[in-house]
Amino acid sequence: MQPKLDDVGEMISSAIASDPQVQSLLTGTPYVWMTVLTEERRNFNASLGYYQQEQLAILLVYPNFRRQNQYIL
């Protein structure tokens, strides 16, 4: 999971650096959702197995994922 999050951070950083409009939109946003993802993962870390944690992370980043893939959870 961490390498995926690192890739997302790198994509956000390059988008911010290359486009002033993206910079103005995303300057504070990544810190907000990354904090939520980290806090949610901490809260559920003790009670969930690794596979379930991965599913939780997918649902937090892609909220419509569960509706499209009901069989996962």
PDB file of N, CA and C in Angstrom:
ATOM      1  N   MET A   1       0.818  -1.189   0.000  1.00  0.00           N
ATOM      2  CA  MET A   1       0.000   0.000   0.000  1.00  0.00           C
ATOM      3  C   MET A   1       0.869   1.262   0.000  1.00  0.00           C
ATOM      4  N   GLN A   2       1.935   1.271   0.770  1.00  0.00           N
ATOM      5  CA  GLN A   2       2.782   2.460   0.859  1.00  0.00           C
ATOM      6  C   GLN A   2       3.367   2.869  -0.487  1.00  0.00           C
ATOM      7  N   PRO A   3       3.862   1.934  -1.317  1.00  0.00           N
ATOM      8  CA  PRO A   3       4.366   2.364  -2.634  1.00  0.00           C
ATOM      9  C   PRO A   3       3.288   3.033  -3.479  1.00  0.00           C
ATOM     10  N   LYS A   4       2.051   2.568  -3.368  1.00  0.00           N
ATOM     11  CA  LYS A   4       0.953   3.188  -4.116  1.00  0.00           C
ATOM     12  C   LYS A   4       0.718   4.612  -3.630  1.00  0.00           C
ATOM     13  N   LEU A   5       0.746   4.799  -2.315  1.00  0.00           N
ATOM     14  CA  LEU A   5       0.557   6.142  -1.766  1.00  0.00           C
ATOM     15  C   LEU A   5       1.703   7.062  -2.158  1.00  0.00           C
ATOM     16  N   ASP A   6       2.923   6.517  -2.197  1.00  0.00           N
ATOM     17  CA  ASP A   6       4.071   7.316  -2.632  1.00  0.00           C
ATOM     18  C   ASP A   6       3.905   7.761  -4.077  1.00  0.00           C
ATOM     19  N   ASP A   7       3.397   6.862  -4.933  1.00  0.00           N
ATOM     20  CA  ASP A   7       3.158   7.208  -6.338  1.00  0.00           C
ATOM     21  C   ASP A   7       2.121   8.318  -6.459  1.00  0.00           C
ATOM     22  N   VAL A   8       1.066   8.239  -5.661  1.00  0.00           N
ATOM     23  CA  VAL A   8       0.027   9.272  -5.692  1.00  0.00           C
ATOM     24  C   VAL A   8       0.618  10.613  -5.268  1.00  0.00           C
ATOM     25  N   GLY A   9       1.423  10.612  -4.215  1.00  0.00           N
ATOM     26  CA  GLY A   9       2.065  11.843  -3.762  1.00  0.00           C
ATOM     27  C   GLY A   9       2.959  12.444  -4.820  1.00  0.00           C
ATOM     28  N   GLU A  10       3.680  11.583  -5.534  1.00  0.00           N
ATOM     29  CA  GLU A  10       4.563  12.058  -6.603  1.00  0.00           C
ATOM     30  C   GLU A  10       3.753  12.656  -7.756  1.00  0.00           C
ATOM     31  N   MET A  11       2.634  12.016  -8.119  1.00  0.00           N
ATOM     32  CA  MET A  11       1.789  12.542  -9.198  1.00  0.00           C
ATOM     33  C   MET A  11       1.207  13.898  -8.814  1.00  0.00           C
ATOM     34  N   ILE A  12       0.775  14.025  -7.571  1.00  0.00           N
ATOM     35  CA  ILE A  12       0.216  15.300  -7.112  1.00  0.00           C
ATOM     36  C   ILE A  12       1.285  16.385  -7.136  1.00  0.00           C
ATOM     37  N   SER A  13       2.477  16.059  -6.663  1.00  0.00           N
ATOM     38  CA  SER A  13       3.568  17.040  -6.647  1.00  0.00           C
ATOM     39  C   SER A  13       3.929  17.510  -8.045  1.00  0.00           C
ATOM     40  N   SER A  14       4.001  16.582  -9.008  1.00  0.00           N
ATOM     41  CA  SER A  14       4.353  16.978 -10.370  1.00  0.00           C
ATOM     42  C   SER A  14       3.236  17.792 -11.010  1.00  0.00           C
ATOM     43  N   ALA A  15       1.969  17.464 -10.705  1.00  0.00           N
ATOM     44  CA  ALA A  15       0.849  18.242 -11.244  1.00  0.00           C
ATOM     45  C   ALA A  15       0.865  19.656 -10.681  1.00  0.00           C
ATOM     46  N   ILE A  16       1.147  19.779  -9.397  1.00  0.00           N
ATOM     47  CA  ILE A  16       1.214  21.100  -8.770  1.00  0.00           C
ATOM     48  C   ILE A  16       2.348  21.918  -9.375  1.00  0.00           C
ATOM     49  N   ALA A  17       3.491  21.284  -9.610  1.00  0.00           N
ATOM     50  CA  ALA A  17       4.653  21.994 -10.148  1.00  0.00           C
ATOM     51  C   ALA A  17       4.447  22.437 -11.589  1.00  0.00           C
ATOM     52  N   SER A  18       3.688  21.672 -12.378  1.00  0.00           N
ATOM     53  CA  SER A  18       3.591  21.954 -13.809  1.00  0.00           C
ATOM     54  C   SER A  18       2.433  22.870 -14.198  1.00  0.00           C
ATOM     55  N   ASP A  19       1.427  23.023 -13.356  1.00  0.00           N
ATOM     56  CA  ASP A  19       0.243  23.784 -13.750  1.00  0.00           C
ATOM     57  C   ASP A  19      -0.208  24.692 -12.603  1.00  0.00           C
ATOM     58  N   PRO A  20      -0.145  26.017 -12.793  1.00  0.00           N
ATOM     59  CA  PRO A  20      -0.536  26.944 -11.726  1.00  0.00           C
ATOM     60  C   PRO A  20      -1.994  26.779 -11.292  1.00  0.00           C
ATOM     61  N   GLN A  21      -2.864  26.413 -12.226  1.00  0.00           N
ATOM     62  CA  GLN A  21      -4.272  26.223 -11.880  1.00  0.00           C
ATOM     63  C   GLN A  21      -4.434  25.006 -10.961  1.00  0.00           C
ATOM     64  N   VAL A  22      -3.739  23.929 -11.284  1.00  0.00           N
ATOM     65  CA  VAL A  22      -3.755  22.745 -10.423  1.00  0.00           C
ATOM     66  C   VAL A  22      -3.141  23.090  -9.072  1.00  0.00           C
ATOM     67  N   GLN A  23      -2.098  23.898  -9.096  1.00  0.00           N
ATOM     68  CA  GLN A  23      -1.446  24.306  -7.850  1.00  0.00           C
ATOM     69  C   GLN A  23      -2.437  25.002  -6.925  1.00  0.00           C
ATOM     70  N   SER A  24      -3.235  25.912  -7.472  1.00  0.00           N
ATOM     71  CA  SER A  24      -4.186  26.634  -6.628  1.00  0.00           C
ATOM     72  C   SER A  24      -5.291  25.718  -6.103  1.00  0.00           C
ATOM     73  N   LEU A  25      -5.678  24.705  -6.891  1.00  0.00           N
ATOM     74  CA  LEU A  25      -6.734  23.788  -6.457  1.00  0.00           C
ATOM     75  C   LEU A  25      -6.256  22.759  -5.434  1.00  0.00           C
ATOM     76  N   LEU A  26      -5.044  22.272  -5.593  1.00  0.00           N
ATOM     77  CA  LEU A  26      -4.580  21.141  -4.784  1.00  0.00           C
ATOM     78  C   LEU A  26      -3.607  21.485  -3.666  1.00  0.00           C
ATOM     79  N   THR A  27      -3.306  22.728  -3.463  1.00  0.00           N
ATOM     80  CA  THR A  27      -2.285  23.081  -2.480  1.00  0.00           C
ATOM     81  C   THR A  27      -2.567  22.469  -1.111  1.00  0.00           C
ATOM     82  N   GLY A  28      -3.780  22.575  -0.592  1.00  0.00           N
ATOM     83  CA  GLY A  28      -4.091  21.999   0.717  1.00  0.00           C
ATOM     84  C   GLY A  28      -4.794  20.663   0.662  1.00  0.00           C
ATOM     85  N   THR A  29      -5.385  20.327  -0.462  1.00  0.00           N
ATOM     86  CA  THR A  29      -6.222  19.134  -0.569  1.00  0.00           C
ATOM     87  C   THR A  29      -5.512  17.821  -0.272  1.00  0.00           C
ATOM     88  N   PRO A  30      -4.323  17.546  -0.814  1.00  0.00           N
ATOM     89  CA  PRO A  30      -3.711  16.230  -0.546  1.00  0.00           C
ATOM     90  C   PRO A  30      -3.488  15.972   0.935  1.00  0.00           C
ATOM     91  N   TYR A  31      -3.173  17.033   1.673  1.00  0.00           N
ATOM     92  CA  TYR A  31      -2.936  16.845   3.097  1.00  0.00           C
ATOM     93  C   TYR A  31      -4.221  16.470   3.818  1.00  0.00           C
ATOM     94  N   VAL A  32      -5.351  16.979   3.342  1.00  0.00           N
ATOM     95  CA  VAL A  32      -6.633  16.660   3.965  1.00  0.00           C
ATOM     96  C   VAL A  32      -6.977  15.196   3.750  1.00  0.00           C
ATOM     97  N   TRP A  33      -6.992  14.724   2.483  1.00  0.00           N
ATOM     98  CA  TRP A  33      -7.424  13.338   2.276  1.00  0.00           C
ATOM     99  C   TRP A  33      -6.382  12.336   2.703  1.00  0.00           C
ATOM    100  N   MET A  34      -5.095  12.669   2.635  1.00  0.00           N
ATOM    101  CA  MET A  34      -4.073  11.740   3.118  1.00  0.00           C
ATOM    102  C   MET A  34      -4.189  11.589   4.632  1.00  0.00           C
ATOM    103  N   THR A  35      -4.519  12.670   5.336  1.00  0.00           N
ATOM    104  CA  THR A  35      -4.707  12.597   6.779  1.00  0.00           C
ATOM    105  C   THR A  35      -5.894  11.715   7.117  1.00  0.00           C
ATOM    106  N   VAL A  36      -6.983  11.868   6.374  1.00  0.00           N
ATOM    107  CA  VAL A  36      -8.169  11.040   6.605  1.00  0.00           C
ATOM    108  C   VAL A  36      -7.840   9.580   6.373  1.00  0.00           C
ATOM    109  N   LEU A  37      -7.164   9.280   5.270  1.00  0.00           N
ATOM    110  CA  LEU A  37      -6.798   7.903   4.960  1.00  0.00           C
ATOM    111  C   LEU A  37      -5.912   7.330   6.061  1.00  0.00           C
ATOM    112  N   THR A  38      -4.940   8.082   6.499  1.00  0.00           N
ATOM    113  CA  THR A  38      -4.029   7.614   7.543  1.00  0.00           C
ATOM    114  C   THR A  38      -4.775   7.393   8.851  1.00  0.00           C
ATOM    115  N   GLU A  39      -5.642   8.319   9.225  1.00  0.00           N
ATOM    116  CA  GLU A  39      -6.381   8.200  10.480  1.00  0.00           C
ATOM    117  C   GLU A  39      -7.344   7.013  10.429  1.00  0.00           C
ATOM    118  N   GLU A  40      -8.050   6.844   9.324  1.00  0.00           N
ATOM    119  CA  GLU A  40      -8.959   5.705   9.188  1.00  0.00           C
ATOM    120  C   GLU A  40      -8.190   4.396   9.267  1.00  0.00           C
ATOM    121  N   ARG A  41      -7.060   4.356   8.623  1.00  0.00           N
ATOM    122  CA  ARG A  41      -6.248   3.131   8.653  1.00  0.00           C
ATOM    123  C   ARG A  41      -5.778   2.841  10.081  1.00  0.00           C
ATOM    124  N   ARG A  42      -5.380   3.866  10.807  1.00  0.00           N
ATOM    125  CA  ARG A  42      -4.969   3.678  12.201  1.00  0.00           C
ATOM    126  C   ARG A  42      -6.122   3.152  13.046  1.00  0.00           C
ATOM    127  N   ASN A  43      -7.302   3.716  12.855  1.00  0.00           N
ATOM    128  CA  ASN A  43      -8.463   3.317  13.651  1.00  0.00           C
ATOM    129  C   ASN A  43      -8.839   1.860  13.430  1.00  0.00           C
ATOM    130  N   PHE A  44      -8.722   1.386  12.192  1.00  0.00           N
ATOM    131  CA  PHE A  44      -9.138   0.029  11.872  1.00  0.00           C
ATOM    132  C   PHE A  44      -7.988  -0.972  11.855  1.00  0.00           C
ATOM    133  N   ASN A  45      -6.778  -0.502  11.994  1.00  0.00           N
ATOM    134  CA  ASN A  45      -5.601  -1.358  11.858  1.00  0.00           C
ATOM    135  C   ASN A  45      -5.627  -2.547  12.814  1.00  0.00           C
ATOM    136  N   ALA A  46      -5.999  -2.332  14.053  1.00  0.00           N
ATOM    137  CA  ALA A  46      -5.957  -3.397  15.052  1.00  0.00           C
ATOM    138  C   ALA A  46      -7.038  -4.448  14.821  1.00  0.00           C
ATOM    139  N   SER A  47      -8.174  -4.052  14.266  1.00  0.00           N
ATOM    140  CA  SER A  47      -9.296  -4.985  14.163  1.00  0.00           C
ATOM    141  C   SER A  47      -9.422  -5.669  12.808  1.00  0.00           C
ATOM    142  N   LEU A  48      -8.698  -5.223  11.793  1.00  0.00           N
ATOM    143  CA  LEU A  48      -8.831  -5.797  10.458  1.00  0.00           C
ATOM    144  C   LEU A  48      -7.567  -6.523  10.033  1.00  0.00           C
ATOM    145  N   GLY A  49      -7.736  -7.544   9.212  1.00  0.00           N
ATOM    146  CA  GLY A  49      -6.595  -8.216   8.606  1.00  0.00           C
ATOM    147  C   GLY A  49      -6.055  -7.393   7.450  1.00  0.00           C
ATOM    148  N   TYR A  50      -4.897  -7.775   6.917  1.00  0.00           N
ATOM    149  CA  TYR A  50      -4.245  -7.023   5.841  1.00  0.00           C
ATOM    150  C   TYR A  50      -5.158  -6.869   4.632  1.00  0.00           C
ATOM    151  N   TYR A  51      -5.812  -7.944   4.199  1.00  0.00           N
ATOM    152  CA  TYR A  51      -6.662  -7.899   3.007  1.00  0.00           C
ATOM    153  C   TYR A  51      -7.801  -6.906   3.198  1.00  0.00           C
ATOM    154  N   GLN A  52      -8.404  -6.905   4.371  1.00  0.00           N
ATOM    155  CA  GLN A  52      -9.498  -5.980   4.641  1.00  0.00           C
ATOM    156  C   GLN A  52      -8.998  -4.539   4.704  1.00  0.00           C
ATOM    157  N   GLN A  53      -7.789  -4.325   5.183  1.00  0.00           N
ATOM    158  CA  GLN A  53      -7.227  -2.974   5.207  1.00  0.00           C
ATOM    159  C   GLN A  53      -7.060  -2.441   3.796  1.00  0.00           C
ATOM    160  N   GLU A  54      -6.615  -3.298   2.871  1.00  0.00           N
ATOM    161  CA  GLU A  54      -6.466  -2.881   1.478  1.00  0.00           C
ATOM    162  C   GLU A  54      -7.824  -2.484   0.902  1.00  0.00           C
ATOM    163  N   GLN A  55      -8.869  -3.246   1.212  1.00  0.00           N
ATOM    164  CA  GLN A  55     -10.209  -2.919   0.732  1.00  0.00           C
ATOM    165  C   GLN A  55     -10.669  -1.587   1.309  1.00  0.00           C
ATOM    166  N   LEU A  56     -10.403  -1.356   2.583  1.00  0.00           N
ATOM    167  CA  LEU A  56     -10.772  -0.101   3.223  1.00  0.00           C
ATOM    168  C   LEU A  56     -10.094   1.072   2.532  1.00  0.00           C
ATOM    169  N   ALA A  57      -8.823   0.938   2.231  1.00  0.00           N
ATOM    170  CA  ALA A  57      -8.093   2.007   1.556  1.00  0.00           C
ATOM    171  C   ALA A  57      -8.689   2.286   0.191  1.00  0.00           C
ATOM    172  N   ILE A  58      -9.081   1.242  -0.537  1.00  0.00           N
ATOM    173  CA  ILE A  58      -9.711   1.427  -1.849  1.00  0.00           C
ATOM    174  C   ILE A  58     -11.015   2.196  -1.688  1.00  0.00           C
ATOM    175  N   LEU A  59     -11.821   1.842  -0.697  1.00  0.00           N
ATOM    176  CA  LEU A  59     -13.102   2.518  -0.500  1.00  0.00           C
ATOM    177  C   LEU A  59     -12.920   3.972  -0.087  1.00  0.00           C
ATOM    178  N   LEU A  60     -11.886   4.271   0.686  1.00  0.00           N
ATOM    179  CA  LEU A  60     -11.655   5.650   1.097  1.00  0.00           C
ATOM    180  C   LEU A  60     -11.203   6.521  -0.065  1.00  0.00           C
ATOM    181  N   VAL A  61     -10.401   5.962  -0.955  1.00  0.00           N
ATOM    182  CA  VAL A  61      -9.892   6.732  -2.083  1.00  0.00           C
ATOM    183  C   VAL A  61     -10.909   6.768  -3.218  1.00  0.00           C
ATOM    184  N   TYR A  62     -11.630   5.656  -3.427  1.00  0.00           N
ATOM    185  CA  TYR A  62     -12.616   5.542  -4.505  1.00  0.00           C
ATOM    186  C   TYR A  62     -13.968   5.186  -3.899  1.00  0.00           C
ATOM    187  N   PRO A  63     -14.734   6.159  -3.393  1.00  0.00           N
ATOM    188  CA  PRO A  63     -15.977   5.863  -2.687  1.00  0.00           C
ATOM    189  C   PRO A  63     -17.003   5.106  -3.525  1.00  0.00           C
ATOM    190  N   ASN A  64     -17.003   5.241  -4.845  1.00  0.00           N
ATOM    191  CA  ASN A  64     -17.972   4.537  -5.686  1.00  0.00           C
ATOM    192  C   ASN A  64     -17.551   3.114  -5.999  1.00  0.00           C
ATOM    193  N   PHE A  65     -16.361   2.719  -5.573  1.00  0.00           N
ATOM    194  CA  PHE A  65     -15.833   1.390  -5.880  1.00  0.00           C
ATOM    195  C   PHE A  65     -16.731   0.296  -5.324  1.00  0.00           C
ATOM    196  N   ARG A  66     -17.249   0.481  -4.129  1.00  0.00           N
ATOM    197  CA  ARG A  66     -18.076  -0.551  -3.506  1.00  0.00           C
ATOM    198  C   ARG A  66     -19.359  -0.771  -4.290  1.00  0.00           C
ATOM    199  N   ARG A  67     -19.981   0.292  -4.761  1.00  0.00           N
ATOM    200  CA  ARG A  67     -21.214   0.146  -5.527  1.00  0.00           C
ATOM    201  C   ARG A  67     -20.989  -0.640  -6.807  1.00  0.00           C
ATOM    202  N   GLN A  68     -19.851  -0.427  -7.428  1.00  0.00           N
ATOM    203  CA  GLN A  68     -19.561  -1.106  -8.685  1.00  0.00           C
ATOM    204  C   GLN A  68     -19.105  -2.539  -8.465  1.00  0.00           C
ATOM    205  N   ASN A  69     -18.589  -2.847  -7.285  1.00  0.00           N
ATOM    206  CA  ASN A  69     -18.007  -4.159  -7.002  1.00  0.00           C
ATOM    207  C   ASN A  69     -18.559  -4.698  -5.685  1.00  0.00           C
ATOM    208  N   GLN A  70     -19.852  -4.922  -5.615  1.00  0.00           N
ATOM    209  CA  GLN A  70     -20.511  -5.340  -4.383  1.00  0.00           C
ATOM    210  C   GLN A  70     -19.920  -6.610  -3.786  1.00  0.00           C
ATOM    211  N   TYR A  71     -19.411  -7.486  -4.613  1.00  0.00           N
ATOM    212  CA  TYR A  71     -18.914  -8.772  -4.133  1.00  0.00           C
ATOM    213  C   TYR A  71     -17.631  -8.661  -3.316  1.00  0.00           C
ATOM    214  N   ILE A  72     -16.966  -7.520  -3.325  1.00  0.00           N
ATOM    215  CA  ILE A  72     -15.675  -7.398  -2.646  1.00  0.00           C
ATOM    216  C   ILE A  72     -15.844  -7.380  -1.133  1.00  0.00           C
ATOM    217  N   LEU A  73     -16.821  -6.634  -0.628  1.00  0.00           N
ATOM    218  CA  LEU A  73     -16.962  -6.543   0.833  1.00  0.00           C
ATOM    219  C   LEU A  73     -18.137  -7.328   1.319  1.00  0.00           C
TER     220      LEU A  73
END
